[in-house]
Amino acid sequence: MDRTRNIAWAVTLVLLLSATATMAIPAHAAGKSSIKGVAKVIDAGTLQVGDKVIKLYGIIAPSARQKCRQGSLPWLCGAAARTHLVDLAQGKNVQCLKVGDYYARCFVRGLDLSKSLVANGWAVPDKAGAVYRDAEAAARRGKLGMWKYAK
């Protein structure tokens, strides 16, 4: 009887802690979770909106001076990736939904900037960006962006 009661208490405690943890997420998100404004592109994976510097969530983009290969010749794929993001977002109104202190999912007129970078071959998904894996596979198959010269 005591063992059953202890198990019941343990299950109840786990359920209460789970419910509390899920309630804490919206409460945190209820703070300043959205950033809106005109975007300035810093690099292929970073925007500045007002005084906030935002890393695009779910992706790894090449650095500004990163080189890719075209056979044995290097080319500045990082600069090309930045140019793609400039075309998408520079000077445009963006809405970013914060995911942590520095990361956010950012949109221009409903377009997910992270997904667009991956789908066009200018970034790859990180662990958090599993939702972008299909877009990456399609970009590789289509030899888009950084995958243009990949074998």
C-alpha atoms as a PDB file:
ATOM      1  CA  MET A   1       0.000   0.000   0.000  1.00  0.00           C
ATOM      2  CA  ASP A   2       2.782   2.465   0.923  1.00  0.00           C
ATOM      3  CA  ARG A   3       4.670   1.623  -2.282  1.00  0.00           C
ATOM      4  CA  THR A   4       1.565   2.310  -4.373  1.00  0.00           C
ATOM      5  CA  ARG A   5       0.998   5.596  -2.548  1.00  0.00           C
ATOM      6  CA  ASN A   6       4.643   6.638  -3.145  1.00  0.00           C
ATOM      7  CA  ILE A   7       4.341   5.849  -6.853  1.00  0.00           C
ATOM      8  CA  ALA A   8       1.098   7.826  -7.036  1.00  0.00           C
ATOM      9  CA  TRP A   9       2.777  10.812  -5.335  1.00  0.00           C
ATOM     10  CA  ALA A  10       5.748  10.569  -7.697  1.00  0.00           C
ATOM     11  CA  VAL A  11       3.489  10.487 -10.758  1.00  0.00           C
ATOM     12  CA  THR A  12       1.473  13.432  -9.427  1.00  0.00           C
ATOM     13  CA  LEU A  13       4.653  15.398  -8.785  1.00  0.00           C
ATOM     14  CA  VAL A  14       5.949  14.706 -12.305  1.00  0.00           C
ATOM     15  CA  LEU A  15       2.614  15.780 -13.805  1.00  0.00           C
ATOM     16  CA  LEU A  16       2.565  18.980 -11.748  1.00  0.00           C
ATOM     17  CA  LEU A  17       6.137  19.823 -12.702  1.00  0.00           C
ATOM     18  CA  SER A  18       5.371  19.144 -16.372  1.00  0.00           C
ATOM     19  CA  ALA A  19       2.315  21.378 -16.266  1.00  0.00           C
ATOM     20  CA  THR A  20       4.293  24.120 -14.522  1.00  0.00           C
ATOM     21  CA  ALA A  21       7.084  23.909 -17.095  1.00  0.00           C
ATOM     22  CA  THR A  22       4.667  24.229 -20.010  1.00  0.00           C
ATOM     23  CA  MET A  23       2.940  27.171 -18.338  1.00  0.00           C
ATOM     24  CA  ALA A  24       6.299  28.919 -17.914  1.00  0.00           C
ATOM     25  CA  ILE A  25       6.974  28.973 -21.658  1.00  0.00           C
ATOM     26  CA  PRO A  26       4.013  31.176 -22.618  1.00  0.00           C
ATOM     27  CA  ALA A  27       4.615  33.375 -19.594  1.00  0.00           C
ATOM     28  CA  HIS A  28       8.194  33.999 -20.762  1.00  0.00           C
ATOM     29  CA  ALA A  29       7.018  34.494 -24.315  1.00  0.00           C
ATOM     30  CA  ALA A  30       4.399  36.966 -23.130  1.00  0.00           C
ATOM     31  CA  GLY A  31       7.206  39.460 -22.455  1.00  0.00           C
ATOM     32  CA  LYS A  32       8.879  41.293 -25.329  1.00  0.00           C
ATOM     33  CA  SER A  33       8.831  38.275 -27.656  1.00  0.00           C
ATOM     34  CA  SER A  34       8.285  40.108 -30.928  1.00  0.00           C
ATOM     35  CA  ILE A  35      10.622  42.583 -32.568  1.00  0.00           C
ATOM     36  CA  LYS A  36       9.336  44.645 -35.483  1.00  0.00           C
ATOM     37  CA  GLY A  37      11.096  47.219 -37.584  1.00  0.00           C
ATOM     38  CA  VAL A  38      13.262  47.924 -40.586  1.00  0.00           C
ATOM     39  CA  ALA A  39      16.030  45.384 -41.144  1.00  0.00           C
ATOM     40  CA  LYS A  40      19.686  46.082 -41.715  1.00  0.00           C
ATOM     41  CA  VAL A  41      21.661  43.028 -42.844  1.00  0.00           C
ATOM     42  CA  ILE A  42      24.918  42.479 -40.972  1.00  0.00           C
ATOM     43  CA  ASP A  43      25.895  39.137 -42.483  1.00  0.00           C
ATOM     44  CA  ALA A  44      24.192  36.107 -44.055  1.00  0.00           C
ATOM     45  CA  GLY A  45      22.682  35.018 -40.741  1.00  0.00           C
ATOM     46  CA  THR A  46      22.382  38.251 -38.755  1.00  0.00           C
ATOM     47  CA  LEU A  47      20.056  41.256 -38.858  1.00  0.00           C
ATOM     48  CA  GLN A  48      19.876  44.481 -36.946  1.00  0.00           C
ATOM     49  CA  VAL A  49      16.398  45.792 -36.195  1.00  0.00           C
ATOM     50  CA  GLY A  50      16.520  49.081 -34.319  1.00  0.00           C
ATOM     51  CA  ASP A  51      19.071  48.584 -31.556  1.00  0.00           C
ATOM     52  CA  LYS A  52      18.659  44.776 -31.533  1.00  0.00           C
ATOM     53  CA  VAL A  53      21.111  42.424 -33.224  1.00  0.00           C
ATOM     54  CA  ILE A  54      19.362  39.171 -34.137  1.00  0.00           C
ATOM     55  CA  LYS A  55      20.797  35.850 -35.264  1.00  0.00           C
ATOM     56  CA  LEU A  56      18.412  33.966 -37.534  1.00  0.00           C
ATOM     57  CA  TYR A  57      17.107  30.914 -35.714  1.00  0.00           C
ATOM     58  CA  GLY A  58      17.646  27.377 -36.963  1.00  0.00           C
ATOM     59  CA  ILE A  59      20.408  27.973 -39.487  1.00  0.00           C
ATOM     60  CA  ILE A  60      24.136  28.205 -39.961  1.00  0.00           C
ATOM     61  CA  ALA A  61      25.079  30.669 -42.681  1.00  0.00           C
ATOM     62  CA  PRO A  62      28.569  31.193 -44.090  1.00  0.00           C
ATOM     63  CA  SER A  63      30.595  34.055 -42.665  1.00  0.00           C
ATOM     64  CA  ALA A  64      31.162  37.115 -44.833  1.00  0.00           C
ATOM     65  CA  ARG A  65      34.629  36.043 -45.952  1.00  0.00           C
ATOM     66  CA  GLN A  66      33.967  32.305 -46.151  1.00  0.00           C
ATOM     67  CA  LYS A  67      35.011  30.677 -49.381  1.00  0.00           C
ATOM     68  CA  CYS A  68      33.515  27.727 -51.215  1.00  0.00           C
ATOM     69  CA  ARG A  69      35.133  25.790 -54.035  1.00  0.00           C
ATOM     70  CA  GLN A  70      34.440  25.749 -57.748  1.00  0.00           C
ATOM     71  CA  GLY A  71      36.698  22.864 -58.642  1.00  0.00           C
ATOM     72  CA  SER A  72      40.057  24.081 -57.373  1.00  0.00           C
ATOM     73  CA  LEU A  73      39.083  27.759 -57.450  1.00  0.00           C
ATOM     74  CA  PRO A  74      37.688  29.494 -54.361  1.00  0.00           C
ATOM     75  CA  TRP A  75      34.730  31.842 -54.520  1.00  0.00           C
ATOM     76  CA  LEU A  76      33.207  34.034 -51.814  1.00  0.00           C
ATOM     77  CA  CYS A  77      30.030  32.133 -51.034  1.00  0.00           C
ATOM     78  CA  GLY A  78      29.670  34.016 -47.733  1.00  0.00           C
ATOM     79  CA  ALA A  79      29.399  37.327 -49.562  1.00  0.00           C
ATOM     80  CA  ALA A  80      26.905  35.799 -52.005  1.00  0.00           C
ATOM     81  CA  ALA A  81      24.818  34.479 -49.088  1.00  0.00           C
ATOM     82  CA  ARG A  82      24.806  37.951 -47.525  1.00  0.00           C
ATOM     83  CA  THR A  83      23.705  39.439 -50.842  1.00  0.00           C
ATOM     84  CA  HIS A  84      20.771  37.013 -50.911  1.00  0.00           C
ATOM     85  CA  LEU A  85      19.664  38.137 -47.447  1.00  0.00           C
ATOM     86  CA  VAL A  86      20.123  41.793 -48.454  1.00  0.00           C
ATOM     87  CA  ASP A  87      17.756  41.189 -51.398  1.00  0.00           C
ATOM     88  CA  LEU A  88      15.211  39.605 -49.056  1.00  0.00           C
ATOM     89  CA  ALA A  89      15.323  41.918 -46.062  1.00  0.00           C
ATOM     90  CA  GLN A  90      17.508  45.042 -46.304  1.00  0.00           C
ATOM     91  CA  GLY A  91      15.433  48.155 -45.620  1.00  0.00           C
ATOM     92  CA  LYS A  92      12.221  46.145 -45.369  1.00  0.00           C
ATOM     93  CA  ASN A  93       9.872  45.770 -42.435  1.00  0.00           C
ATOM     94  CA  VAL A  94      10.542  42.536 -40.591  1.00  0.00           C
ATOM     95  CA  GLN A  95       8.764  40.804 -37.769  1.00  0.00           C
ATOM     96  CA  CYS A  96      10.964  38.622 -35.598  1.00  0.00           C
ATOM     97  CA  LEU A  97       9.708  36.185 -32.979  1.00  0.00           C
ATOM     98  CA  LYS A  98      12.336  35.766 -30.289  1.00  0.00           C
ATOM     99  CA  VAL A  99      13.670  32.308 -29.541  1.00  0.00           C
ATOM    100  CA  GLY A 100      16.123  32.935 -26.729  1.00  0.00           C
ATOM    101  CA  ASP A 101      18.204  36.019 -26.042  1.00  0.00           C
ATOM    102  CA  TYR A 102      19.899  36.422 -29.424  1.00  0.00           C
ATOM    103  CA  TYR A 103      17.960  34.204 -31.841  1.00  0.00           C
ATOM    104  CA  ALA A 104      14.670  34.841 -33.607  1.00  0.00           C
ATOM    105  CA  ARG A 105      12.546  33.575 -36.459  1.00  0.00           C
ATOM    106  CA  CYS A 106      12.234  36.546 -38.785  1.00  0.00           C
ATOM    107  CA  PHE A 107       9.706  37.162 -41.537  1.00  0.00           C
ATOM    108  CA  VAL A 108       9.267  39.694 -44.332  1.00  0.00           C
ATOM    109  CA  ARG A 109       5.659  39.770 -45.528  1.00  0.00           C
ATOM    110  CA  GLY A 110       5.195  36.203 -44.251  1.00  0.00           C
ATOM    111  CA  LEU A 111       8.417  34.863 -45.810  1.00  0.00           C
ATOM    112  CA  ASP A 112      10.556  32.925 -43.300  1.00  0.00           C
ATOM    113  CA  LEU A 113      14.061  34.313 -43.885  1.00  0.00           C
ATOM    114  CA  SER A 114      15.817  31.254 -42.443  1.00  0.00           C
ATOM    115  CA  LYS A 115      13.846  28.913 -44.688  1.00  0.00           C
ATOM    116  CA  SER A 116      14.535  31.069 -47.742  1.00  0.00           C
ATOM    117  CA  LEU A 117      18.288  31.056 -47.069  1.00  0.00           C
ATOM    118  CA  VAL A 118      18.292  27.255 -46.730  1.00  0.00           C
ATOM    119  CA  ALA A 119      15.951  26.670 -49.695  1.00  0.00           C
ATOM    120  CA  ASN A 120      18.172  28.790 -51.937  1.00  0.00           C
ATOM    121  CA  GLY A 121      21.356  27.080 -50.792  1.00  0.00           C
ATOM    122  CA  TRP A 122      22.806  29.947 -48.754  1.00  0.00           C
ATOM    123  CA  ALA A 123      22.610  28.314 -45.300  1.00  0.00           C
ATOM    124  CA  VAL A 124      22.228  24.907 -43.686  1.00  0.00           C
ATOM    125  CA  PRO A 125      19.928  23.950 -40.838  1.00  0.00           C
ATOM    126  CA  ASP A 126      21.424  23.570 -37.375  1.00  0.00           C
ATOM    127  CA  LYS A 127      20.076  21.154 -34.729  1.00  0.00           C
ATOM    128  CA  ALA A 128      17.154  23.474 -33.964  1.00  0.00           C
ATOM    129  CA  GLY A 129      16.343  23.919 -37.653  1.00  0.00           C
ATOM    130  CA  ALA A 130      15.250  20.356 -38.406  1.00  0.00           C
ATOM    131  CA  VAL A 131      12.129  21.803 -40.055  1.00  0.00           C
ATOM    132  CA  TYR A 132      14.426  23.091 -42.829  1.00  0.00           C
ATOM    133  CA  ARG A 133      16.025  19.714 -43.714  1.00  0.00           C
ATOM    134  CA  ASP A 134      13.758  19.122 -46.730  1.00  0.00           C
ATOM    135  CA  ALA A 135      14.553  22.595 -48.063  1.00  0.00           C
ATOM    136  CA  GLU A 136      18.267  21.838 -47.721  1.00  0.00           C
ATOM    137  CA  ALA A 137      17.902  18.541 -49.589  1.00  0.00           C
ATOM    138  CA  ALA A 138      16.038  20.284 -52.417  1.00  0.00           C
ATOM    139  CA  ALA A 139      18.710  23.014 -52.634  1.00  0.00           C
ATOM    140  CA  ARG A 140      21.450  20.380 -52.833  1.00  0.00           C
ATOM    141  CA  ARG A 141      19.590  18.439 -55.545  1.00  0.00           C
ATOM    142  CA  GLY A 142      18.974  21.662 -57.465  1.00  0.00           C
ATOM    143  CA  LYS A 143      22.604  22.760 -57.039  1.00  0.00           C
ATOM    144  CA  LEU A 144      21.493  26.107 -55.650  1.00  0.00           C
ATOM    145  CA  GLY A 145      23.635  28.638 -53.823  1.00  0.00           C
ATOM    146  CA  MET A 146      26.641  27.062 -52.097  1.00  0.00           C
ATOM    147  CA  TRP A 147      25.761  23.718 -53.706  1.00  0.00           C
ATOM    148  CA  LYS A 148      26.182  25.121 -57.231  1.00  0.00           C
ATOM    149  CA  TYR A 149      29.564  23.482 -57.739  1.00  0.00           C
ATOM    150  CA  ALA A 150      29.229  20.577 -55.277  1.00  0.00           C
ATOM    151  CA  LYS A 151      29.841  17.128 -56.674  1.00  0.00           C
END
